Amino acid sequence: MISLIISIVLFFMGLIVFVFGYIGRYELVKDGYIEESDLSKVTKEKEELSLKVDEADKVLQELNKFSTYISKELDTKHKELLFLYQMIDEKQESFTKNEKEVNKRTKKITLQEKNIEEDKKQTETNRKEEQKFTTINEELKVKNILKSNQTMQEKVQALHCAGKSIDEIASTLRKGKNEIRLMIGVGKKE
């Protein structure tokens, strides 16, 4: 834009120099200020100036072409830059969206892990309760066996069938281990 203005200004300056040179030469010769020989020098200088103006005009045209090229390149680069900014915005939006999704999934997994942990604790508690009840139930069976009007042989056989070891039966009935073994052996033969 600026180069165009400069070229127009230089063109008009050259035109003005040419016009005033022509008019000035005519007037100077007419009034007798210049002789005809000096006139040829002036004409020569005028031609040199005209050549320089033409060269300046060519340079300005080249500058004008170059400024047009630069302007187009800047416009292209600007469009590319805008496209890159748009891509960055889209990627950032996608990243934010993915981050939110990951956070949701993380919270969901954390909640599931918490629930699993609570279920494990509840299962462990239930297992312990079941063991207590099983132990209490076995103890009640043993007490019922001991309180009944059974013979010692029947009590030993009942405790052995309940899954008690020889040591446990011996300590419960306050008998010797060999005696308990003997009673169990006799019970098997019957």
Foldseek 3Di string as FASTA:
>chain_A
DVLVVVLVVLVVVLVVCLVCLVVVLVVCVVVVVDDVVVVVVSVVVNVVSVVVSVVVNVVSVVVVVVVVVVVVVVVVVVVVVVVVVVVVVVVVVVVVVVVVVVVVVVVVVVVVVVVVVVVVVVVVVVVVVVVVVVVVVLVVQLVVLVPDPDDPLVSLCSNVVSVDDLVVSCVVVVHDSVVSVVSNVVVVVD
